[in-house]
């Protein structure tokens, strides 16, 4: 269930999409908090996949929503497909260490006080 608030005749499609994507980031943060309660503390997050590789804005939105956790980015757009193939072939032991992991492209690090969402380019 969800809702869109604050819409006007001046609201653009890009702003609606950004709001929906931000809501998704918040849902992931909430679910991650629940999962962390089962492992005894915060986890480090590595974002990956084609959408993350293509969108610096979305990486920044995830970093803001997941603060104060460490959020990194794996630049390989096919990381999910590679992982799925290794699992299907039962070759997960042959997976190599993740390379090319870098910080998200956010201009300032996320803080625990007042998350600021990156502005979606119009």
PDB file of N, CA and C in Angstrom:
ATOM      1  N   UNK A   1       0.843  -1.166   0.000  1.00  0.00           N
ATOM      2  CA  UNK A   1       0.000   0.000   0.000  1.00  0.00           C
ATOM      3  C   UNK A   1       0.894   1.237   0.000  1.00  0.00           C
ATOM      4  N   UNK A   2       0.516   2.229  -0.737  1.00  0.00           N
ATOM      5  CA  UNK A   2       1.281   3.456  -0.785  1.00  0.00           C
ATOM      6  C   UNK A   2       0.397   4.622  -1.157  1.00  0.00           C
ATOM      7  N   UNK A   3       0.978   5.780  -1.121  1.00  0.00           N
ATOM      8  CA  UNK A   3       0.227   6.977  -1.497  1.00  0.00           C
ATOM      9  C   UNK A   3       1.192   8.041  -1.988  1.00  0.00           C
ATOM     10  N   UNK A   4       0.677   8.912  -2.796  1.00  0.00           N
ATOM     11  CA  UNK A   4       1.420  10.075  -3.268  1.00  0.00           C
ATOM     12  C   UNK A   4       0.778  11.294  -2.639  1.00  0.00           C
ATOM     13  N   UNK A   5       1.574  12.135  -2.020  1.00  0.00           N
ATOM     14  CA  UNK A   5       1.057  13.347  -1.374  1.00  0.00           C
ATOM     15  C   UNK A   5       1.720  14.575  -1.960  1.00  0.00           C
ATOM     16  N   UNK A   6       1.029  15.685  -1.790  1.00  0.00           N
ATOM     17  CA  UNK A   6       1.606  16.967  -2.173  1.00  0.00           C
ATOM     18  C   UNK A   6       1.652  17.205  -3.673  1.00  0.00           C
ATOM     19  N   UNK A   7       0.853  16.491  -4.431  1.00  0.00           N
ATOM     20  CA  UNK A   7       0.855  16.667  -5.881  1.00  0.00           C
ATOM     21  C   UNK A   7       0.090  17.939  -6.260  1.00  0.00           C
ATOM     22  N   UNK A   8       0.552  18.562  -7.303  1.00  0.00           N
ATOM     23  CA  UNK A   8      -0.152  19.718  -7.848  1.00  0.00           C
ATOM     24  C   UNK A   8      -0.118  19.603  -9.369  1.00  0.00           C
ATOM     25  N   UNK A   9      -0.729  20.560 -10.040  1.00  0.00           N
ATOM     26  CA  UNK A   9      -0.682  20.547 -11.503  1.00  0.00           C
ATOM     27  C   UNK A   9       0.723  20.832 -12.021  1.00  0.00           C
ATOM     28  N   UNK A  10       1.590  21.343 -11.160  1.00  0.00           N
ATOM     29  CA  UNK A  10       2.977  21.621 -11.553  1.00  0.00           C
ATOM     30  C   UNK A  10       3.918  20.445 -11.275  1.00  0.00           C
ATOM     31  N   UNK A  11       3.424  19.385 -10.614  1.00  0.00           N
ATOM     32  CA  UNK A  11       4.251  18.219 -10.325  1.00  0.00           C
ATOM     33  C   UNK A  11       4.581  17.508 -11.627  1.00  0.00           C
ATOM     34  N   UNK A  12       5.867  17.223 -11.817  1.00  0.00           N
ATOM     35  CA  UNK A  12       6.304  16.568 -13.058  1.00  0.00           C
ATOM     36  C   UNK A  12       6.351  15.052 -12.877  1.00  0.00           C
ATOM     37  N   UNK A  13       6.386  14.363 -13.984  1.00  0.00           N
ATOM     38  CA  UNK A  13       6.531  12.914 -13.961  1.00  0.00           C
ATOM     39  C   UNK A  13       7.838  12.488 -13.310  1.00  0.00           C
ATOM     40  N   UNK A  14       8.887  13.265 -13.539  1.00  0.00           N
ATOM     41  CA  UNK A  14      10.187  12.963 -12.937  1.00  0.00           C
ATOM     42  C   UNK A  14      10.099  13.074 -11.414  1.00  0.00           C
ATOM     43  N   UNK A  15       9.397  14.079 -10.919  1.00  0.00           N
ATOM     44  CA  UNK A  15       9.237  14.235  -9.472  1.00  0.00           C
ATOM     45  C   UNK A  15       8.417  13.090  -8.874  1.00  0.00           C
ATOM     46  N   UNK A  16       7.406  12.632  -9.601  1.00  0.00           N
ATOM     47  CA  UNK A  16       6.609  11.489  -9.128  1.00  0.00           C
ATOM     48  C   UNK A  16       7.485  10.241  -9.085  1.00  0.00           C
ATOM     49  N   UNK A  17       8.251   9.995 -10.133  1.00  0.00           N
ATOM     50  CA  UNK A  17       9.147   8.838 -10.160  1.00  0.00           C
ATOM     51  C   UNK A  17      10.165   8.921  -9.027  1.00  0.00           C
ATOM     52  N   UNK A  18      10.745  10.089  -8.811  1.00  0.00           N
ATOM     53  CA  UNK A  18      11.722  10.250  -7.733  1.00  0.00           C
ATOM     54  C   UNK A  18      11.087   9.958  -6.379  1.00  0.00           C
ATOM     55  N   UNK A  19       9.857  10.404  -6.172  1.00  0.00           N
ATOM     56  CA  UNK A  19       9.162  10.125  -4.923  1.00  0.00           C
ATOM     57  C   UNK A  19       8.915   8.638  -4.722  1.00  0.00           C
ATOM     58  N   UNK A  20       8.510   7.962  -5.789  1.00  0.00           N
ATOM     59  CA  UNK A  20       8.273   6.522  -5.701  1.00  0.00           C
ATOM     60  C   UNK A  20       9.576   5.769  -5.429  1.00  0.00           C
ATOM     61  N   UNK A  21      10.656   6.165  -6.092  1.00  0.00           N
ATOM     62  CA  UNK A  21      11.952   5.518  -5.876  1.00  0.00           C
ATOM     63  C   UNK A  21      12.461   5.778  -4.461  1.00  0.00           C
ATOM     64  N   UNK A  22      12.249   6.988  -3.948  1.00  0.00           N
ATOM     65  CA  UNK A  22      12.634   7.297  -2.572  1.00  0.00           C
ATOM     66  C   UNK A  22      11.842   6.445  -1.588  1.00  0.00           C
ATOM     67  N   UNK A  23      10.562   6.243  -1.880  1.00  0.00           N
ATOM     68  CA  UNK A  23       9.742   5.376  -1.035  1.00  0.00           C
ATOM     69  C   UNK A  23      10.259   3.949  -1.019  1.00  0.00           C
ATOM     70  N   UNK A  24      10.710   3.468  -2.164  1.00  0.00           N
ATOM     71  CA  UNK A  24      11.300   2.135  -2.234  1.00  0.00           C
ATOM     72  C   UNK A  24      12.551   2.058  -1.370  1.00  0.00           C
ATOM     73  N   UNK A  25      13.387   3.091  -1.425  1.00  0.00           N
ATOM     74  CA  UNK A  25      14.598   3.132  -0.595  1.00  0.00           C
ATOM     75  C   UNK A  25      14.232   3.057   0.886  1.00  0.00           C
ATOM     76  N   UNK A  26      13.179   3.773   1.288  1.00  0.00           N
ATOM     77  CA  UNK A  26      12.731   3.746   2.677  1.00  0.00           C
ATOM     78  C   UNK A  26      12.237   2.354   3.077  1.00  0.00           C
ATOM     79  N   UNK A  27      11.538   1.675   2.162  1.00  0.00           N
ATOM     80  CA  UNK A  27      11.066   0.318   2.457  1.00  0.00           C
ATOM     81  C   UNK A  27      12.241  -0.637   2.653  1.00  0.00           C
ATOM     82  N   UNK A  28      13.261  -0.511   1.815  1.00  0.00           N
ATOM     83  CA  UNK A  28      14.451  -1.353   1.948  1.00  0.00           C
ATOM     84  C   UNK A  28      15.138  -1.068   3.279  1.00  0.00           C
ATOM     85  N   UNK A  29      15.231   0.196   3.666  1.00  0.00           N
ATOM     86  CA  UNK A  29      15.861   0.560   4.939  1.00  0.00           C
ATOM     87  C   UNK A  29      15.109  -0.061   6.111  1.00  0.00           C
ATOM     88  N   UNK A  30      13.784  -0.015   6.061  1.00  0.00           N
ATOM     89  CA  UNK A  30      12.969  -0.594   7.132  1.00  0.00           C
ATOM     90  C   UNK A  30      13.181  -2.104   7.213  1.00  0.00           C
ATOM     91  N   UNK A  31      13.161  -2.774   6.061  1.00  0.00           N
ATOM     92  CA  UNK A  31      13.385  -4.221   6.037  1.00  0.00           C
ATOM     93  C   UNK A  31      14.788  -4.577   6.502  1.00  0.00           C
ATOM     94  N   UNK A  32      15.767  -3.787   6.120  1.00  0.00           N
ATOM     95  CA  UNK A  32      17.141  -4.048   6.533  1.00  0.00           C
ATOM     96  C   UNK A  32      17.291  -3.914   8.045  1.00  0.00           C
ATOM     97  N   UNK A  33      16.614  -2.941   8.637  1.00  0.00           N
ATOM     98  CA  UNK A  33      16.632  -2.791  10.088  1.00  0.00           C
ATOM     99  C   UNK A  33      16.101  -4.052  10.762  1.00  0.00           C
ATOM    100  N   UNK A  34      15.039  -4.619  10.205  1.00  0.00           N
ATOM    101  CA  UNK A  34      14.475  -5.845  10.756  1.00  0.00           C
ATOM    102  C   UNK A  34      15.475  -7.004  10.636  1.00  0.00           C
ATOM    103  N   UNK A  35      16.112  -7.110   9.477  1.00  0.00           N
ATOM    104  CA  UNK A  35      17.106  -8.179   9.287  1.00  0.00           C
ATOM    105  C   UNK A  35      18.296  -8.007  10.226  1.00  0.00           C
ATOM    106  N   UNK A  36      18.727  -6.775  10.418  1.00  0.00           N
ATOM    107  CA  UNK A  36      19.872  -6.520  11.296  1.00  0.00           C
ATOM    108  C   UNK A  36      19.590  -6.944  12.729  1.00  0.00           C
ATOM    109  N   UNK A  37      18.333  -6.907  13.128  1.00  0.00           N
ATOM    110  CA  UNK A  37      17.989  -7.319  14.489  1.00  0.00           C
ATOM    111  C   UNK A  37      18.260  -8.812  14.693  1.00  0.00           C
ATOM    112  N   UNK A  38      18.347  -9.572  13.614  1.00  0.00           N
ATOM    113  CA  UNK A  38      18.614 -11.008  13.732  1.00  0.00           C
ATOM    114  C   UNK A  38      20.097 -11.337  13.692  1.00  0.00           C
ATOM    115  N   UNK A  39      20.931 -10.382  13.274  1.00  0.00           N
ATOM    116  CA  UNK A  39      22.377 -10.634  13.196  1.00  0.00           C
ATOM    117  C   UNK A  39      23.159  -9.827  14.216  1.00  0.00           C
ATOM    118  N   UNK A  40      22.473  -9.070  15.027  1.00  0.00           N
ATOM    119  CA  UNK A  40      23.129  -8.397  16.134  1.00  0.00           C
ATOM    120  C   UNK A  40      23.764  -7.052  15.836  1.00  0.00           C
ATOM    121  N   UNK A  41      23.418  -6.407  14.741  1.00  0.00           N
ATOM    122  CA  UNK A  41      23.961  -5.075  14.507  1.00  0.00           C
ATOM    123  C   UNK A  41      23.908  -4.660  13.057  1.00  0.00           C
ATOM    124  N   UNK A  42      24.411  -3.448  12.789  1.00  0.00           N
ATOM    125  CA  UNK A  42      24.368  -2.925  11.421  1.00  0.00           C
ATOM    126  C   UNK A  42      25.241  -3.728  10.462  1.00  0.00           C
ATOM    127  N   UNK A  43      24.833  -3.740   9.236  1.00  0.00           N
ATOM    128  CA  UNK A  43      25.590  -4.418   8.188  1.00  0.00           C
ATOM    129  C   UNK A  43      26.099  -3.390   7.186  1.00  0.00           C
ATOM    130  N   UNK A  44      27.088  -3.786   6.420  1.00  0.00           N
ATOM    131  CA  UNK A  44      27.578  -2.935   5.343  1.00  0.00           C
ATOM    132  C   UNK A  44      26.769  -3.276   4.094  1.00  0.00           C
ATOM    133  N   UNK A  45      26.365  -2.268   3.342  1.00  0.00           N
ATOM    134  CA  UNK A  45      25.525  -2.453   2.167  1.00  0.00           C
ATOM    135  C   UNK A  45      26.359  -2.226   0.915  1.00  0.00           C
ATOM    136  N   UNK A  46      26.232  -3.141  -0.048  1.00  0.00           N
ATOM    137  CA  UNK A  46      26.865  -2.972  -1.358  1.00  0.00           C
ATOM    138  C   UNK A  46      25.752  -2.988  -2.392  1.00  0.00           C
ATOM    139  N   UNK A  47      25.565  -1.879  -3.079  1.00  0.00           N
ATOM    140  CA  UNK A  47      24.568  -1.766  -4.134  1.00  0.00           C
ATOM    141  C   UNK A  47      25.162  -2.299  -5.430  1.00  0.00           C
ATOM    142  N   UNK A  48      24.355  -2.949  -6.234  1.00  0.00           N
ATOM    143  CA  UNK A  48      24.860  -3.454  -7.494  1.00  0.00           C
ATOM    144  C   UNK A  48      23.727  -3.645  -8.492  1.00  0.00           C
ATOM    145  N   UNK A  49      24.095  -3.909  -9.721  1.00  0.00           N
ATOM    146  CA  UNK A  49      23.122  -4.153 -10.774  1.00  0.00           C
ATOM    147  C   UNK A  49      23.065  -3.008 -11.765  1.00  0.00           C
ATOM    148  N   UNK A  50      22.363  -3.242 -12.840  1.00  0.00           N
ATOM    149  CA  UNK A  50      22.296  -2.273 -13.925  1.00  0.00           C
ATOM    150  C   UNK A  50      21.679  -0.949 -13.530  1.00  0.00           C
ATOM    151  N   UNK A  51      20.582  -0.988 -12.754  1.00  0.00           N
ATOM    152  CA  UNK A  51      19.925   0.261 -12.356  1.00  0.00           C
ATOM    153  C   UNK A  51      20.830   1.091 -11.462  1.00  0.00           C
ATOM    154  N   UNK A  52      21.533   0.439 -10.557  1.00  0.00           N
ATOM    155  CA  UNK A  52      22.449   1.173  -9.659  1.00  0.00           C
ATOM    156  C   UNK A  52      23.627   1.741 -10.438  1.00  0.00           C
ATOM    157  N   UNK A  53      24.123   0.972 -11.393  1.00  0.00           N
ATOM    158  CA  UNK A  53      25.248   1.443 -12.198  1.00  0.00           C
ATOM    159  C   UNK A  53      24.843   2.649 -13.035  1.00  0.00           C
ATOM    160  N   UNK A  54      23.604   2.640 -13.537  1.00  0.00           N
ATOM    161  CA  UNK A  54      23.147   3.704 -14.434  1.00  0.00           C
ATOM    162  C   UNK A  54      22.706   4.974 -13.717  1.00  0.00           C
ATOM    163  N   UNK A  55      22.415   4.907 -12.413  1.00  0.00           N
ATOM    164  CA  UNK A  55      21.809   6.056 -11.757  1.00  0.00           C
ATOM    165  C   UNK A  55      22.556   6.492 -10.500  1.00  0.00           C
ATOM    166  N   UNK A  56      23.372   7.526 -10.645  1.00  0.00           N
ATOM    167  CA  UNK A  56      24.037   8.116  -9.477  1.00  0.00           C
ATOM    168  C   UNK A  56      23.004   8.660  -8.503  1.00  0.00           C
ATOM    169  N   UNK A  57      21.876   9.173  -9.024  1.00  0.00           N
ATOM    170  CA  UNK A  57      20.825   9.692  -8.148  1.00  0.00           C
ATOM    171  C   UNK A  57      20.277   8.592  -7.246  1.00  0.00           C
ATOM    172  N   UNK A  58      20.003   7.416  -7.813  1.00  0.00           N
ATOM    173  CA  UNK A  58      19.421   6.338  -7.013  1.00  0.00           C
ATOM    174  C   UNK A  58      20.410   5.815  -5.976  1.00  0.00           C
ATOM    175  N   UNK A  59      21.697   5.738  -6.346  1.00  0.00           N
ATOM    176  CA  UNK A  59      22.716   5.341  -5.367  1.00  0.00           C
ATOM    177  C   UNK A  59      22.725   6.326  -4.205  1.00  0.00           C
ATOM    178  N   UNK A  60      22.625   7.615  -4.516  1.00  0.00           N
ATOM    179  CA  UNK A  60      22.596   8.633  -3.465  1.00  0.00           C
ATOM    180  C   UNK A  60      21.344   8.543  -2.608  1.00  0.00           C
ATOM    181  N   UNK A  61      20.201   8.249  -3.235  1.00  0.00           N
ATOM    182  CA  UNK A  61      18.952   8.108  -2.485  1.00  0.00           C
ATOM    183  C   UNK A  61      19.028   6.912  -1.539  1.00  0.00           C
ATOM    184  N   UNK A  62      19.608   5.814  -2.001  1.00  0.00           N
ATOM    185  CA  UNK A  62      19.787   4.662  -1.122  1.00  0.00           C
ATOM    186  C   UNK A  62      20.748   4.996   0.014  1.00  0.00           C
ATOM    187  N   UNK A  63      21.832   5.680  -0.287  1.00  0.00           N
ATOM    188  CA  UNK A  63      22.795   6.042   0.761  1.00  0.00           C
ATOM    189  C   UNK A  63      22.129   6.908   1.827  1.00  0.00           C
ATOM    190  N   UNK A  64      21.277   7.841   1.406  1.00  0.00           N
ATOM    191  CA  UNK A  64      20.579   8.704   2.364  1.00  0.00           C
ATOM    192  C   UNK A  64      19.589   7.900   3.200  1.00  0.00           C
ATOM    193  N   UNK A  65      18.843   7.004   2.569  1.00  0.00           N
ATOM    194  CA  UNK A  65      17.830   6.218   3.285  1.00  0.00           C
ATOM    195  C   UNK A  65      18.464   5.203   4.230  1.00  0.00           C
ATOM    196  N   UNK A  66      19.634   4.696   3.886  1.00  0.00           N
ATOM    197  CA  UNK A  66      20.277   3.656   4.683  1.00  0.00           C
ATOM    198  C   UNK A  66      21.246   4.205   5.726  1.00  0.00           C
ATOM    199  N   UNK A  67      21.415   5.515   5.782  1.00  0.00           N
ATOM    200  CA  UNK A  67      22.311   6.117   6.772  1.00  0.00           C
ATOM    201  C   UNK A  67      21.895   5.683   8.167  1.00  0.00           C
ATOM    202  N   UNK A  68      22.813   5.457   9.057  1.00  0.00           N
ATOM    203  CA  UNK A  68      24.248   5.732   9.031  1.00  0.00           C
ATOM    204  C   UNK A  68      25.090   4.543   8.568  1.00  0.00           C
ATOM    205  N   UNK A  69      24.477   3.532   7.963  1.00  0.00           N
ATOM    206  CA  UNK A  69      25.237   2.371   7.489  1.00  0.00           C
ATOM    207  C   UNK A  69      26.226   2.778   6.406  1.00  0.00           C
ATOM    208  N   UNK A  70      27.280   2.011   6.281  1.00  0.00           N
ATOM    209  CA  UNK A  70      28.221   2.196   5.184  1.00  0.00           C
ATOM    210  C   UNK A  70      27.568   1.658   3.914  1.00  0.00           C
ATOM    211  N   UNK A  71      27.488   2.493   2.875  1.00  0.00           N
ATOM    212  CA  UNK A  71      26.868   2.091   1.610  1.00  0.00           C
ATOM    213  C   UNK A  71      27.902   2.234   0.502  1.00  0.00           C
ATOM    214  N   UNK A  72      28.199   1.121  -0.148  1.00  0.00           N
ATOM    215  CA  UNK A  72      29.167   1.098  -1.242  1.00  0.00           C
ATOM    216  C   UNK A  72      28.457   0.696  -2.526  1.00  0.00           C
ATOM    217  N   UNK A  73      29.184   0.781  -3.649  1.00  0.00           N
ATOM    218  CA  UNK A  73      28.598   0.486  -4.954  1.00  0.00           C
ATOM    219  C   UNK A  73      29.519  -0.429  -5.745  1.00  0.00           C
ATOM    220  N   UNK A  74      28.970  -1.514  -6.279  1.00  0.00           N
ATOM    221  CA  UNK A  74      29.689  -2.435  -7.167  1.00  0.00           C
ATOM    222  C   UNK A  74      29.308  -2.044  -8.585  1.00  0.00           C
ATOM    223  N   UNK A  75      30.297  -1.596  -9.362  1.00  0.00           N
ATOM    224  CA  UNK A  75      30.032  -1.016 -10.680  1.00  0.00           C
ATOM    225  C   UNK A  75      29.634  -2.022 -11.756  1.00  0.00           C
ATOM    226  N   UNK A  76      29.724  -3.307 -11.503  1.00  0.00           N
ATOM    227  CA  UNK A  76      29.380  -4.314 -12.502  1.00  0.00           C
ATOM    228  C   UNK A  76      27.860  -4.369 -12.687  1.00  0.00           C
ATOM    229  N   UNK A  77      27.330  -3.985 -13.866  1.00  0.00           N
ATOM    230  CA  UNK A  77      25.877  -3.983 -14.057  1.00  0.00           C
ATOM    231  C   UNK A  77      25.276  -5.389 -14.101  1.00  0.00           C
ATOM    232  N   UNK A  78      26.096  -6.406 -14.251  1.00  0.00           N
ATOM    233  CA  UNK A  78      25.595  -7.786 -14.347  1.00  0.00           C
ATOM    234  C   UNK A  78      25.881  -8.597 -13.089  1.00  0.00           C
ATOM    235  N   UNK A  79      26.141  -7.944 -11.961  1.00  0.00           N
ATOM    236  CA  UNK A  79      26.520  -8.656 -10.741  1.00  0.00           C
ATOM    237  C   UNK A  79      25.419  -9.621 -10.286  1.00  0.00           C
ATOM    238  N   UNK A  80      24.157  -9.224 -10.420  1.00  0.00           N
ATOM    239  CA  UNK A  80      23.053 -10.097 -10.020  1.00  0.00           C
ATOM    240  C   UNK A  80      22.963 -11.336 -10.890  1.00  0.00           C
ATOM    241  N   UNK A  81      23.106 -11.159 -12.191  1.00  0.00           N
ATOM    242  CA  UNK A  81      23.046 -12.294 -13.114  1.00  0.00           C
ATOM    243  C   UNK A  81      24.230 -13.235 -12.881  1.00  0.00           C
ATOM    244  N   UNK A  82      25.389 -12.675 -12.607  1.00  0.00           N
ATOM    245  CA  UNK A  82      26.569 -13.496 -12.339  1.00  0.00           C
ATOM    246  C   UNK A  82      26.361 -14.327 -11.075  1.00  0.00           C
ATOM    247  N   UNK A  83      25.851 -13.686 -10.021  1.00  0.00           N
ATOM    248  CA  UNK A  83      25.588 -14.407  -8.779  1.00  0.00           C
ATOM    249  C   UNK A  83      24.553 -15.498  -8.960  1.00  0.00           C
ATOM    250  N   UNK A  84      23.476 -15.198  -9.698  1.00  0.00           N
ATOM    251  CA  UNK A  84      22.430 -16.189  -9.931  1.00  0.00           C
ATOM    252  C   UNK A  84      22.977 -17.386 -10.713  1.00  0.00           C
ATOM    253  N   UNK A  85      23.832 -17.115 -11.688  1.00  0.00           N
ATOM    254  CA  UNK A  85      24.418 -18.204 -12.472  1.00  0.00           C
ATOM    255  C   UNK A  85      25.317 -19.078 -11.596  1.00  0.00           C
ATOM    256  N   UNK A  86      26.114 -18.467 -10.737  1.00  0.00           N
ATOM    257  CA  UNK A  86      26.978 -19.246  -9.847  1.00  0.00           C
ATOM    258  C   UNK A  86      26.160 -20.120  -8.896  1.00  0.00           C
ATOM    259  N   UNK A  87      25.055 -19.587  -8.388  1.00  0.00           N
ATOM    260  CA  UNK A  87      24.190 -20.372  -7.507  1.00  0.00           C
ATOM    261  C   UNK A  87      23.565 -21.529  -8.285  1.00  0.00           C
ATOM    262  N   UNK A  88      23.061 -21.244  -9.494  1.00  0.00           N
ATOM    263  CA  UNK A  88      22.424 -22.281 -10.303  1.00  0.00           C
ATOM    264  C   UNK A  88      23.398 -23.401 -10.652  1.00  0.00           C
ATOM    265  N   UNK A  89      24.643 -23.045 -10.887  1.00  0.00           N
ATOM    266  CA  UNK A  89      25.665 -24.034 -11.243  1.00  0.00           C
ATOM    267  C   UNK A  89      26.320 -24.660 -10.013  1.00  0.00           C
ATOM    268  N   UNK A  90      25.882 -24.209  -8.830  1.00  0.00           N
ATOM    269  CA  UNK A  90      26.458 -24.669  -7.562  1.00  0.00           C
ATOM    270  C   UNK A  90      27.961 -24.442  -7.522  1.00  0.00           C
ATOM    271  N   UNK A  91      28.374 -23.254  -7.964  1.00  0.00           N
ATOM    272  CA  UNK A  91      29.793 -22.913  -8.014  1.00  0.00           C
ATOM    273  C   UNK A  91      30.084 -21.648  -7.204  1.00  0.00           C
ATOM    274  N   UNK A  92      29.321 -21.408  -6.152  1.00  0.00           N
ATOM    275  CA  UNK A  92      29.532 -20.186  -5.373  1.00  0.00           C
ATOM    276  C   UNK A  92      30.922 -20.129  -4.747  1.00  0.00           C
ATOM    277  N   UNK A  93      31.538 -21.287  -4.528  1.00  0.00           N
ATOM    278  CA  UNK A  93      32.903 -21.315  -3.992  1.00  0.00           C
ATOM    279  C   UNK A  93      33.915 -20.731  -4.961  1.00  0.00           C
ATOM    280  N   UNK A  94      33.557 -20.634  -6.231  1.00  0.00           N
ATOM    281  CA  UNK A  94      34.459 -20.091  -7.240  1.00  0.00           C
ATOM    282  C   UNK A  94      34.282 -18.595  -7.444  1.00  0.00           C
ATOM    283  N   UNK A  95      33.365 -18.010  -6.701  1.00  0.00           N
ATOM    284  CA  UNK A  95      33.160 -16.558  -6.821  1.00  0.00           C
ATOM    285  C   UNK A  95      34.410 -15.847  -6.323  1.00  0.00           C
ATOM    286  N   UNK A  96      34.814 -14.843  -7.039  1.00  0.00           N
ATOM    287  CA  UNK A  96      35.989 -14.071  -6.636  1.00  0.00           C
ATOM    288  C   UNK A  96      35.535 -12.918  -5.740  1.00  0.00           C
ATOM    289  N   UNK A  97      36.492 -12.384  -5.016  1.00  0.00           N
ATOM    290  CA  UNK A  97      36.183 -11.234  -4.160  1.00  0.00           C
ATOM    291  C   UNK A  97      35.675 -10.090  -5.026  1.00  0.00           C
ATOM    292  N   UNK A  98      34.742  -9.331  -4.494  1.00  0.00           N
ATOM    293  CA  UNK A  98      34.213  -8.193  -5.247  1.00  0.00           C
ATOM    294  C   UNK A  98      35.321  -7.177  -5.486  1.00  0.00           C
ATOM    295  N   UNK A  99      35.410  -6.734  -6.711  1.00  0.00           N
ATOM    296  CA  UNK A  99      36.379  -5.692  -7.056  1.00  0.00           C
ATOM    297  C   UNK A  99      35.622  -4.479  -7.539  1.00  0.00           C
ATOM    298  N   UNK A 100      36.305  -3.396  -7.664  1.00  0.00           N
ATOM    299  CA  UNK A 100      35.712  -2.157  -8.140  1.00  0.00           C
ATOM    300  C   UNK A 100      34.578  -1.666  -7.255  1.00  0.00           C
ATOM    301  N   UNK A 101      34.676  -1.935  -5.959  1.00  0.00           N
ATOM    302  CA  UNK A 101      33.665  -1.410  -5.045  1.00  0.00           C
ATOM    303  C   UNK A 101      34.108  -0.020  -4.631  1.00  0.00           C
ATOM    304  N   UNK A 102      33.223   0.924  -4.787  1.00  0.00           N
ATOM    305  CA  UNK A 102      33.538   2.295  -4.424  1.00  0.00           C
ATOM    306  C   UNK A 102      32.400   2.921  -3.649  1.00  0.00           C
ATOM    307  N   UNK A 103      32.634   4.108  -3.166  1.00  0.00           N
ATOM    308  CA  UNK A 103      31.596   4.830  -2.444  1.00  0.00           C
ATOM    309  C   UNK A 103      30.496   5.250  -3.412  1.00  0.00           C
ATOM    310  N   UNK A 104      29.315   5.477  -2.887  1.00  0.00           N
ATOM    311  CA  UNK A 104      28.254   6.003  -3.728  1.00  0.00           C
ATOM    312  C   UNK A 104      28.646   7.408  -4.168  1.00  0.00           C
ATOM    313  N   UNK A 105      27.993   7.925  -5.167  1.00  0.00           N
ATOM    314  CA  UNK A 105      28.351   9.223  -5.741  1.00  0.00           C
ATOM    315  C   UNK A 105      27.711  10.404  -5.028  1.00  0.00           C
ATOM    316  N   UNK A 106      27.406  10.225  -3.755  1.00  0.00           N
ATOM    317  CA  UNK A 106      26.765  11.315  -3.043  1.00  0.00           C
ATOM    318  C   UNK A 106      27.753  12.450  -2.788  1.00  0.00           C
ATOM    319  N   UNK A 107      27.283  13.711  -2.835  1.00  0.00           N
ATOM    320  CA  UNK A 107      28.185  14.835  -2.623  1.00  0.00           C
ATOM    321  C   UNK A 107      28.630  14.976  -1.180  1.00  0.00           C
ATOM    322  N   UNK A 108      27.789  14.598  -0.225  1.00  0.00           N
ATOM    323  CA  UNK A 108      28.168  14.646   1.181  1.00  0.00           C
ATOM    324  C   UNK A 108      27.758  13.342   1.830  1.00  0.00           C
ATOM    325  N   UNK A 109      28.514  12.881   2.819  1.00  0.00           N
ATOM    326  CA  UNK A 109      28.159  11.619   3.444  1.00  0.00           C
ATOM    327  C   UNK A 109      26.832  11.713   4.173  1.00  0.00           C
ATOM    328  N   UNK A 110      26.065  10.603   4.201  1.00  0.00           N
ATOM    329  CA  UNK A 110      24.795  10.629   4.915  1.00  0.00           C
ATOM    330  C   UNK A 110      25.025  10.810   6.406  1.00  0.00           C
ATOM    331  N   UNK A 111      24.044  11.386   7.073  1.00  0.00           N
ATOM    332  CA  UNK A 111      24.141  11.586   8.514  1.00  0.00           C
ATOM    333  C   UNK A 111      22.946  10.955   9.189  1.00  0.00           C
ATOM    334  N   UNK A 112      23.052  10.781  10.492  1.00  0.00           N
ATOM    335  CA  UNK A 112      21.935  10.215  11.237  1.00  0.00           C
ATOM    336  C   UNK A 112      20.916  11.283  11.574  1.00  0.00           C
ATOM    337  N   UNK A 113      21.284  12.542  11.454  1.00  0.00           N
ATOM    338  CA  UNK A 113      20.354  13.628  11.767  1.00  0.00           C
ATOM    339  C   UNK A 113      19.881  14.258  10.474  1.00  0.00           C
ATOM    340  N   UNK A 114      18.640  14.121  10.157  1.00  0.00           N
ATOM    341  CA  UNK A 114      18.078  14.792   8.982  1.00  0.00           C
ATOM    342  C   UNK A 114      18.661  14.311   7.680  1.00  0.00           C
ATOM    343  N   UNK A 115      18.067  13.284   7.124  1.00  0.00           N
ATOM    344  CA  UNK A 115      18.525  12.800   5.817  1.00  0.00           C
ATOM    345  C   UNK A 115      18.105  13.804   4.754  1.00  0.00           C
ATOM    346  N   UNK A 116      19.005  14.088   3.867  1.00  0.00           N
ATOM    347  CA  UNK A 116      18.628  14.939   2.746  1.00  0.00           C
ATOM    348  C   UNK A 116      18.652  14.089   1.483  1.00  0.00           C
ATOM    349  N   UNK A 117      17.594  14.148   0.739  1.00  0.00           N
ATOM    350  CA  UNK A 117      17.501  13.385  -0.505  1.00  0.00           C
ATOM    351  C   UNK A 117      18.200  14.156  -1.612  1.00  0.00           C
ATOM    352  N   UNK A 118      18.934  13.450  -2.446  1.00  0.00           N
ATOM    353  CA  UNK A 118      19.516  14.141  -3.595  1.00  0.00           C
ATOM    354  C   UNK A 118      18.394  14.618  -4.515  1.00  0.00           C
ATOM    355  N   UNK A 119      18.576  15.755  -5.135  1.00  0.00           N
ATOM    356  CA  UNK A 119      17.583  16.266  -6.058  1.00  0.00           C
ATOM    357  C   UNK A 119      17.658  15.512  -7.374  1.00  0.00           C
ATOM    358  N   UNK A 120      16.501  15.086  -7.861  1.00  0.00           N
ATOM    359  CA  UNK A 120      16.471  14.365  -9.142  1.00  0.00           C
ATOM    360  C   UNK A 120      16.641  15.395 -10.253  1.00  0.00           C
ATOM    361  N   UNK A 121      17.556  15.137 -11.193  1.00  0.00           N
ATOM    362  CA  UNK A 121      17.749  16.104 -12.282  1.00  0.00           C
ATOM    363  C   UNK A 121      16.517  16.170 -13.162  1.00  0.00           C
ATOM    364  N   UNK A 122      16.098  17.383 -13.519  1.00  0.00           N
ATOM    365  CA  UNK A 122      14.915  17.509 -14.368  1.00  0.00           C
ATOM    366  C   UNK A 122      15.303  17.600 -15.827  1.00  0.00           C
TER     367      UNK A 122
END
